[in-house]
N, C-alpha and C. Protein backbone atom coordinates (compact mmCIF):
# COMPACT_ATOMS: atom_id res chain seq x y z
N THR A 1 42.24 78.05 58.84
CA THR A 1 41.15 77.16 58.60
C THR A 1 40.61 77.36 57.15
N ILE A 2 41.19 76.70 56.29
CA ILE A 2 40.88 76.88 54.83
C ILE A 2 39.48 76.44 54.48
N LEU A 3 39.06 75.34 55.11
CA LEU A 3 37.78 74.78 54.72
C LEU A 3 36.62 75.19 55.62
N SER A 4 36.85 76.14 56.58
CA SER A 4 35.78 76.47 57.57
C SER A 4 34.60 77.13 56.89
N GLY A 5 34.75 77.83 55.82
CA GLY A 5 33.64 78.51 55.13
C GLY A 5 32.93 77.62 54.11
N VAL A 6 33.43 76.42 53.88
CA VAL A 6 32.84 75.55 52.87
C VAL A 6 31.81 74.60 53.55
N LYS A 7 30.60 74.54 53.10
CA LYS A 7 29.62 73.63 53.66
C LYS A 7 29.83 72.21 53.18
N ASN A 8 29.60 71.32 54.04
CA ASN A 8 29.70 69.87 53.81
C ASN A 8 31.12 69.50 53.41
N SER A 9 32.11 70.21 53.88
CA SER A 9 33.47 69.86 53.55
C SER A 9 33.91 68.62 54.39
N CYS A 10 34.94 67.95 54.00
CA CYS A 10 35.37 66.74 54.74
C CYS A 10 35.61 67.02 56.13
N CYS A 11 36.21 68.18 56.53
CA CYS A 11 36.47 68.48 57.96
C CYS A 11 35.27 68.71 58.78
N GLN A 12 34.11 68.91 58.11
CA GLN A 12 32.91 69.21 58.88
C GLN A 12 31.97 68.00 58.95
N THR A 13 32.37 66.84 58.44
CA THR A 13 31.58 65.65 58.48
C THR A 13 32.20 64.50 59.14
N ARG A 14 31.34 63.53 59.58
CA ARG A 14 31.94 62.34 60.22
C ARG A 14 32.17 61.25 59.24
N ASN A 15 31.88 61.51 57.96
CA ASN A 15 32.02 60.53 56.87
C ASN A 15 33.43 60.01 56.93
N LEU A 16 33.59 58.56 57.04
CA LEU A 16 34.88 57.96 57.12
C LEU A 16 35.78 58.30 55.96
N CYS A 17 35.16 58.27 54.71
CA CYS A 17 35.92 58.60 53.53
C CYS A 17 36.56 59.97 53.63
N CYS A 18 35.71 60.94 54.09
CA CYS A 18 36.11 62.31 54.17
C CYS A 18 37.23 62.42 55.22
N GLN A 19 37.05 61.71 56.35
CA GLN A 19 38.10 61.84 57.38
C GLN A 19 39.46 61.41 56.98
N THR A 20 39.46 60.33 56.11
CA THR A 20 40.72 59.82 55.68
C THR A 20 41.35 60.81 54.66
N LYS A 21 40.52 61.57 54.01
CA LYS A 21 40.99 62.56 52.99
C LYS A 21 41.18 63.96 53.63
N ASN A 22 40.90 64.05 54.92
CA ASN A 22 41.00 65.39 55.58
C ASN A 22 42.46 65.92 55.51
N PRO A 23 42.61 67.03 54.89
CA PRO A 23 43.97 67.63 54.67
C PRO A 23 44.72 67.78 56.03
N TYR A 24 43.95 68.13 57.14
CA TYR A 24 44.59 68.44 58.40
C TYR A 24 45.10 67.07 58.98
N SER A 25 44.24 66.04 58.90
CA SER A 25 44.66 64.70 59.35
C SER A 25 45.89 64.19 58.56
N MET A 26 45.82 64.37 57.22
CA MET A 26 46.89 63.86 56.37
C MET A 26 48.17 64.63 56.66
N LEU A 27 48.04 65.91 56.95
CA LEU A 27 49.28 66.71 57.26
C LEU A 27 49.86 66.22 58.60
N SER A 28 48.97 66.02 59.54
CA SER A 28 49.44 65.53 60.92
C SER A 28 50.20 64.18 60.72
N ASN A 29 49.60 63.30 59.88
CA ASN A 29 50.19 62.00 59.64
C ASN A 29 51.57 62.14 58.96
N GLN A 30 51.62 63.04 57.95
CA GLN A 30 52.90 63.26 57.30
C GLN A 30 54.00 63.83 58.19
N GLU A 31 53.59 64.73 59.12
CA GLU A 31 54.51 65.28 60.07
C GLU A 31 54.99 64.16 60.99
N SER A 32 54.11 63.25 61.42
CA SER A 32 54.48 62.22 62.28
C SER A 32 55.46 61.23 61.53
N ILE A 33 55.16 60.95 60.26
CA ILE A 33 56.03 60.07 59.48
C ILE A 33 57.41 60.71 59.36
N LEU A 34 57.42 62.04 59.07
CA LEU A 34 58.71 62.75 58.92
C LEU A 34 59.51 62.76 60.20
N SER A 35 58.78 62.94 61.32
CA SER A 35 59.52 62.87 62.56
C SER A 35 60.08 61.49 62.83
N HIS A 36 59.41 60.44 62.51
CA HIS A 36 59.89 59.07 62.66
C HIS A 36 61.11 58.85 61.72
N GLN A 37 60.89 59.37 60.51
CA GLN A 37 62.09 59.27 59.55
C GLN A 37 63.35 59.97 60.09
N ASP A 38 63.11 61.10 60.61
CA ASP A 38 64.27 61.87 61.25
C ASP A 38 64.90 61.03 62.32
N SER A 39 64.07 60.40 63.20
CA SER A 39 64.64 59.61 64.24
C SER A 39 65.38 58.44 63.70
N ILE A 40 64.73 57.82 62.65
CA ILE A 40 65.49 56.59 62.04
C ILE A 40 66.79 57.07 61.46
N LEU A 41 66.79 58.16 60.80
CA LEU A 41 68.03 58.69 60.18
C LEU A 41 69.12 58.95 61.24
N SER A 42 68.66 59.57 62.39
CA SER A 42 69.53 59.85 63.42
C SER A 42 70.16 58.56 63.96
N ASN A 43 69.32 57.51 64.14
CA ASN A 43 69.76 56.23 64.64
C ASN A 43 70.79 55.63 63.63
N GLN A 44 70.47 55.80 62.36
CA GLN A 44 71.32 55.18 61.37
C GLN A 44 72.76 55.95 61.36
N GLU A 45 72.69 57.21 61.54
CA GLU A 45 73.93 58.00 61.64
C GLU A 45 74.73 57.53 62.85
N SER A 46 74.05 57.32 63.93
CA SER A 46 74.76 56.86 65.06
C SER A 46 75.33 55.46 64.88
N SER A 47 74.59 54.58 64.29
CA SER A 47 75.05 53.27 64.01
C SER A 47 76.28 53.29 63.03
N LEU A 48 76.21 54.17 62.14
CA LEU A 48 77.29 54.33 61.18
C LEU A 48 78.56 54.76 61.88
N SER A 49 78.39 55.69 62.75
CA SER A 49 79.58 56.24 63.52
C SER A 49 80.13 55.10 64.36
N ASN A 50 79.26 54.32 64.99
CA ASN A 50 79.77 53.19 65.83
C ASN A 50 80.50 52.23 64.96
N GLN A 51 80.00 51.91 63.76
CA GLN A 51 80.59 50.98 62.89
C GLN A 51 81.97 51.46 62.42
N LYS A 52 82.04 52.75 62.20
CA LYS A 52 83.38 53.36 61.78
C LYS A 52 84.37 53.18 62.96
N TYR A 53 83.89 53.36 64.14
CA TYR A 53 84.72 53.28 65.33
C TYR A 53 85.28 51.86 65.41
N MET A 54 84.31 50.90 65.28
CA MET A 54 84.63 49.45 65.38
C MET A 54 85.60 49.02 64.27
N LEU A 55 85.43 49.61 63.04
CA LEU A 55 86.32 49.31 61.94
C LEU A 55 87.74 49.86 62.27
N SER A 56 87.78 51.02 62.87
CA SER A 56 89.11 51.55 63.22
C SER A 56 89.77 50.73 64.25
N ASN A 57 88.99 50.22 65.20
CA ASN A 57 89.52 49.24 66.22
C ASN A 57 90.05 48.00 65.59
N GLN A 58 89.28 47.48 64.64
CA GLN A 58 89.74 46.28 63.94
C GLN A 58 90.96 46.44 63.18
N GLU A 59 91.08 47.64 62.49
CA GLU A 59 92.27 47.93 61.77
C GLU A 59 93.50 47.96 62.69
N SER A 60 93.20 48.54 63.86
CA SER A 60 94.38 48.65 64.80
C SER A 60 94.74 47.25 65.32
N LEU A 61 93.73 46.46 65.58
CA LEU A 61 93.94 45.04 65.93
C LEU A 61 94.74 44.34 64.88
N LEU A 62 94.33 44.50 63.65
CA LEU A 62 94.99 43.83 62.53
C LEU A 62 96.46 44.32 62.44
N SER A 63 96.70 45.57 62.62
CA SER A 63 98.11 46.05 62.63
C SER A 63 98.90 45.39 63.70
N ASN A 64 98.27 45.35 64.92
CA ASN A 64 99.02 44.68 66.04
C ASN A 64 99.28 43.19 65.77
N GLN A 65 98.32 42.57 65.13
CA GLN A 65 98.54 41.13 64.79
C GLN A 65 99.68 40.95 63.78
N GLU A 66 99.69 41.86 62.75
CA GLU A 66 100.75 41.80 61.82
C GLU A 66 102.14 42.08 62.46
N SER A 67 102.12 42.99 63.43
CA SER A 67 103.42 43.21 64.15
C SER A 67 103.77 42.01 64.94
N MET A 68 102.79 41.36 65.62
CA MET A 68 103.09 40.19 66.35
C MET A 68 103.61 39.08 65.46
N LEU A 69 103.02 38.94 64.31
CA LEU A 69 103.40 37.92 63.36
C LEU A 69 104.86 38.18 62.86
N SER A 70 105.16 39.40 62.65
CA SER A 70 106.49 39.76 62.19
C SER A 70 107.53 39.42 63.34
N ASN A 71 107.11 39.73 64.57
CA ASN A 71 108.02 39.41 65.72
C ASN A 71 108.21 37.94 65.80
N GLN A 72 107.14 37.13 65.59
CA GLN A 72 107.29 35.72 65.67
C GLN A 72 108.15 35.13 64.60
N GLU A 73 108.04 35.71 63.42
CA GLU A 73 108.89 35.32 62.33
C GLU A 73 110.31 35.60 62.60
N SER A 74 110.58 36.75 63.23
CA SER A 74 111.94 37.12 63.65
C SER A 74 112.46 36.16 64.69
N MET A 75 111.60 35.80 65.64
CA MET A 75 112.01 34.84 66.66
C MET A 75 112.29 33.47 66.07
N LEU A 76 111.53 33.03 65.02
CA LEU A 76 111.76 31.80 64.39
C LEU A 76 113.07 31.83 63.67
N SER A 77 113.36 32.92 63.02
CA SER A 77 114.59 33.09 62.28
C SER A 77 115.78 33.08 63.28
N ASN A 78 115.64 33.78 64.40
CA ASN A 78 116.71 33.71 65.41
C ASN A 78 116.88 32.32 66.04
N GLN A 79 115.83 31.61 66.25
CA GLN A 79 115.88 30.28 66.76
C GLN A 79 116.65 29.36 65.76
N GLU A 80 116.34 29.52 64.50
CA GLU A 80 117.01 28.72 63.44
C GLU A 80 118.49 29.00 63.45
N SER A 81 118.90 30.27 63.59
CA SER A 81 120.30 30.60 63.54
C SER A 81 120.94 30.09 64.82
N ILE A 82 120.29 30.10 65.93
CA ILE A 82 120.88 29.58 67.12
C ILE A 82 121.11 28.02 67.01
N ASP A 83 120.14 27.42 66.44
CA ASP A 83 120.22 25.93 66.22
C ASP A 83 121.44 25.64 65.34
N GLN A 84 121.56 26.42 64.25
CA GLN A 84 122.68 26.15 63.35
C GLN A 84 123.99 26.40 63.98
N GLU A 85 124.04 27.35 64.88
CA GLU A 85 125.33 27.66 65.54
C GLU A 85 125.60 26.62 66.66
N SER A 86 124.70 26.29 67.49
CA SER A 86 124.93 25.43 68.65
C SER A 86 124.79 23.93 68.30
N ASN A 87 123.88 23.62 67.38
CA ASN A 87 123.63 22.20 67.04
C ASN A 87 123.47 21.39 68.30
N CYS A 88 122.82 22.01 69.31
CA CYS A 88 122.64 21.29 70.59
C CYS A 88 123.97 20.84 71.18
N GLN A 89 124.91 21.74 71.16
CA GLN A 89 126.17 21.47 71.77
C GLN A 89 126.99 20.36 71.08
N THR A 90 126.71 20.13 69.86
CA THR A 90 127.50 19.20 69.06
C THR A 90 127.97 19.84 67.77
N LYS A 91 128.92 19.25 67.14
CA LYS A 91 129.30 19.79 65.81
C LYS A 91 128.56 19.16 64.68
N ILE A 92 127.61 18.23 65.06
CA ILE A 92 126.90 17.48 64.05
C ILE A 92 125.49 18.18 63.92
N PRO A 93 125.04 18.45 62.61
CA PRO A 93 123.74 19.05 62.50
C PRO A 93 122.68 18.25 63.16
N CYS A 94 121.65 18.96 63.68
CA CYS A 94 120.55 18.31 64.38
C CYS A 94 119.89 17.18 63.59
N CYS A 95 119.80 17.41 62.26
CA CYS A 95 119.10 16.35 61.50
C CYS A 95 119.86 15.04 61.34
N GLN A 96 121.17 15.11 61.71
CA GLN A 96 121.95 13.91 61.65
C GLN A 96 122.28 13.30 62.95
N THR A 97 121.59 13.71 63.99
CA THR A 97 121.81 13.11 65.34
C THR A 97 120.51 12.77 66.04
N LYS A 98 120.66 11.89 66.94
CA LYS A 98 119.43 11.51 67.75
C LYS A 98 119.40 12.22 69.08
N ASN A 99 120.24 13.15 69.22
CA ASN A 99 120.31 14.03 70.40
C ASN A 99 118.90 14.53 70.72
N PRO A 100 118.35 14.18 71.88
CA PRO A 100 116.91 14.60 72.24
C PRO A 100 116.82 16.16 72.27
N CYS A 101 117.86 16.85 72.61
CA CYS A 101 117.84 18.29 72.60
C CYS A 101 117.49 18.81 71.16
N CYS A 102 118.22 18.26 70.19
CA CYS A 102 117.95 18.70 68.82
C CYS A 102 116.63 18.34 68.33
N GLN A 103 116.13 17.14 68.67
CA GLN A 103 114.82 16.74 68.21
C GLN A 103 113.75 17.68 68.74
N LYS A 104 113.85 18.03 69.99
CA LYS A 104 112.86 18.94 70.60
C LYS A 104 112.84 20.29 69.91
N GLN A 105 114.07 20.73 69.62
CA GLN A 105 114.16 22.09 68.98
C GLN A 105 113.58 22.05 67.60
N GLU A 106 113.79 20.92 66.87
CA GLU A 106 113.25 20.82 65.51
C GLU A 106 111.72 20.69 65.57
N SER A 107 111.24 19.93 66.54
CA SER A 107 109.75 19.87 66.72
C SER A 107 109.12 21.23 67.04
N MET A 108 109.82 21.91 67.90
CA MET A 108 109.28 23.27 68.29
C MET A 108 109.32 24.21 67.07
N LEU A 109 110.32 24.19 66.33
CA LEU A 109 110.43 25.01 65.10
C LEU A 109 109.32 24.69 64.17
N SER A 110 109.12 23.43 63.93
CA SER A 110 108.07 22.91 63.05
C SER A 110 106.67 23.46 63.51
N ASN A 111 106.45 23.38 64.80
CA ASN A 111 105.16 23.85 65.41
C ASN A 111 105.03 25.37 65.19
N GLN A 112 106.16 26.08 65.35
CA GLN A 112 106.08 27.51 65.18
C GLN A 112 105.79 27.90 63.78
N GLU A 113 106.40 27.17 62.86
CA GLU A 113 106.12 27.44 61.40
C GLU A 113 104.65 27.16 61.00
N PHE A 114 104.16 26.04 61.63
CA PHE A 114 102.70 25.69 61.41
C PHE A 114 101.86 26.80 61.97
N ILE A 115 102.13 27.28 63.17
CA ILE A 115 101.32 28.38 63.80
C ILE A 115 101.45 29.62 62.94
N LEU A 116 102.61 29.97 62.49
CA LEU A 116 102.78 31.17 61.69
C LEU A 116 101.91 31.04 60.41
N SER A 117 101.92 29.85 59.75
CA SER A 117 101.14 29.72 58.51
C SER A 117 99.67 29.99 58.76
N HIS A 118 99.15 29.47 59.91
CA HIS A 118 97.81 29.71 60.26
C HIS A 118 97.54 31.13 60.57
N GLN A 119 98.43 31.79 61.26
CA GLN A 119 98.28 33.25 61.51
C GLN A 119 98.24 34.09 60.28
N ASP A 120 99.09 33.67 59.33
CA ASP A 120 99.08 34.40 58.04
C ASP A 120 97.64 34.27 57.35
N SER A 121 97.10 33.10 57.45
CA SER A 121 95.79 32.81 56.87
C SER A 121 94.76 33.61 57.58
N ILE A 122 94.89 33.61 58.90
CA ILE A 122 93.87 34.40 59.74
C ILE A 122 93.97 35.91 59.41
N LEU A 123 95.13 36.39 59.28
CA LEU A 123 95.36 37.82 58.96
C LEU A 123 94.78 38.12 57.58
N SER A 124 95.02 37.27 56.61
CA SER A 124 94.46 37.43 55.31
C SER A 124 92.97 37.51 55.34
N ASN A 125 92.34 36.62 56.12
CA ASN A 125 90.89 36.62 56.24
C ASN A 125 90.37 37.91 56.98
N GLN A 126 91.12 38.31 57.93
CA GLN A 126 90.73 39.59 58.64
C GLN A 126 90.77 40.79 57.70
N GLU A 127 91.87 40.83 56.84
CA GLU A 127 91.95 41.95 55.90
C GLU A 127 90.79 41.90 54.89
N SER A 128 90.44 40.70 54.48
CA SER A 128 89.28 40.60 53.58
C SER A 128 87.99 41.08 54.27
N LEU A 129 87.84 40.66 55.54
CA LEU A 129 86.67 41.05 56.32
C LEU A 129 86.65 42.59 56.46
N LEU A 130 87.73 43.21 56.80
CA LEU A 130 87.83 44.64 56.94
C LEU A 130 87.46 45.36 55.59
N SER A 131 87.97 44.81 54.54
CA SER A 131 87.61 45.36 53.18
C SER A 131 86.10 45.33 52.97
N ASN A 132 85.52 44.18 53.28
CA ASN A 132 84.06 44.03 53.14
C ASN A 132 83.29 45.00 54.11
N GLN A 133 83.77 45.17 55.25
CA GLN A 133 83.08 46.11 56.19
C GLN A 133 83.22 47.55 55.66
N GLU A 134 84.40 47.89 55.08
CA GLU A 134 84.55 49.24 54.60
C GLU A 134 83.56 49.48 53.43
N SER A 135 83.32 48.39 52.59
CA SER A 135 82.44 48.47 51.49
C SER A 135 80.99 48.66 52.03
N ILE A 136 80.64 47.94 53.11
CA ILE A 136 79.31 48.04 53.67
C ILE A 136 79.13 49.45 54.18
N LEU A 137 80.08 49.95 54.92
CA LEU A 137 80.03 51.23 55.44
C LEU A 137 79.82 52.32 54.38
N SER A 138 80.53 52.16 53.38
CA SER A 138 80.40 53.06 52.20
C SER A 138 78.94 53.02 51.67
N ASN A 139 78.41 51.84 51.51
CA ASN A 139 77.07 51.64 51.02
C ASN A 139 76.02 52.28 52.02
N GLN A 140 76.28 52.11 53.33
CA GLN A 140 75.42 52.72 54.26
C GLN A 140 75.48 54.18 54.24
N GLU A 141 76.64 54.81 54.03
CA GLU A 141 76.73 56.29 53.95
C GLU A 141 75.96 56.74 52.71
N SER A 142 76.04 55.94 51.61
CA SER A 142 75.31 56.36 50.43
C SER A 142 73.76 56.32 50.70
N ILE A 143 73.33 55.23 51.41
CA ILE A 143 71.90 55.11 51.70
C ILE A 143 71.47 56.25 52.57
N LEU A 144 72.28 56.56 53.60
CA LEU A 144 71.99 57.68 54.46
C LEU A 144 71.91 58.99 53.73
N SER A 145 72.83 59.20 52.83
CA SER A 145 72.79 60.43 52.04
C SER A 145 71.59 60.52 51.18
N ASN A 146 71.16 59.39 50.57
CA ASN A 146 69.92 59.42 49.83
C ASN A 146 68.70 59.67 50.68
N GLN A 147 68.64 59.12 51.92
CA GLN A 147 67.53 59.35 52.75
C GLN A 147 67.50 60.78 53.24
N GLU A 148 68.64 61.38 53.49
CA GLU A 148 68.67 62.76 53.87
C GLU A 148 68.16 63.67 52.74
N SER A 149 68.61 63.35 51.50
CA SER A 149 68.11 64.16 50.38
C SER A 149 66.62 63.98 50.13
N MET A 150 66.11 62.71 50.41
CA MET A 150 64.69 62.54 50.31
C MET A 150 63.88 63.30 51.37
N LEU A 151 64.42 63.33 52.60
CA LEU A 151 63.81 64.07 53.66
C LEU A 151 63.77 65.62 53.36
N SER A 152 64.89 66.09 52.79
CA SER A 152 64.94 67.52 52.50
C SER A 152 63.95 67.86 51.39
N ASP A 153 63.68 66.95 50.47
CA ASP A 153 62.74 67.21 49.41
C ASP A 153 61.34 67.32 49.99
């Protein structure tokens, strides 16, 4: 009790001005603020950890989609070579015949190429999104580090 021997000190009066300047009250408030900051920091660290986990899952998903795209491209290539070999059971190329079998295969190939081009675009957008999320995570880690250093000061 630093101020106990001092007469008319802030801690011994009901003066509102004194109460707000009371070192004990201020210290208690600062401790409460620090406790809340610790809690906020802990929540941010947990959020950051969850975001890293989510990012890892998205990277895995992206890898799977790239693999799927590669498989579809391979299927398309195989389909084209089958078409060239079989020509729908004729010796005439599909483009030179009205054979319904050939027309269906050409239409199917065209649709697959269209789907592949869209999947390429989607993958590209996902890669860009992942890159942005990694940048956000990096910024959050930096903010967290700054907050921890402020708390330790």
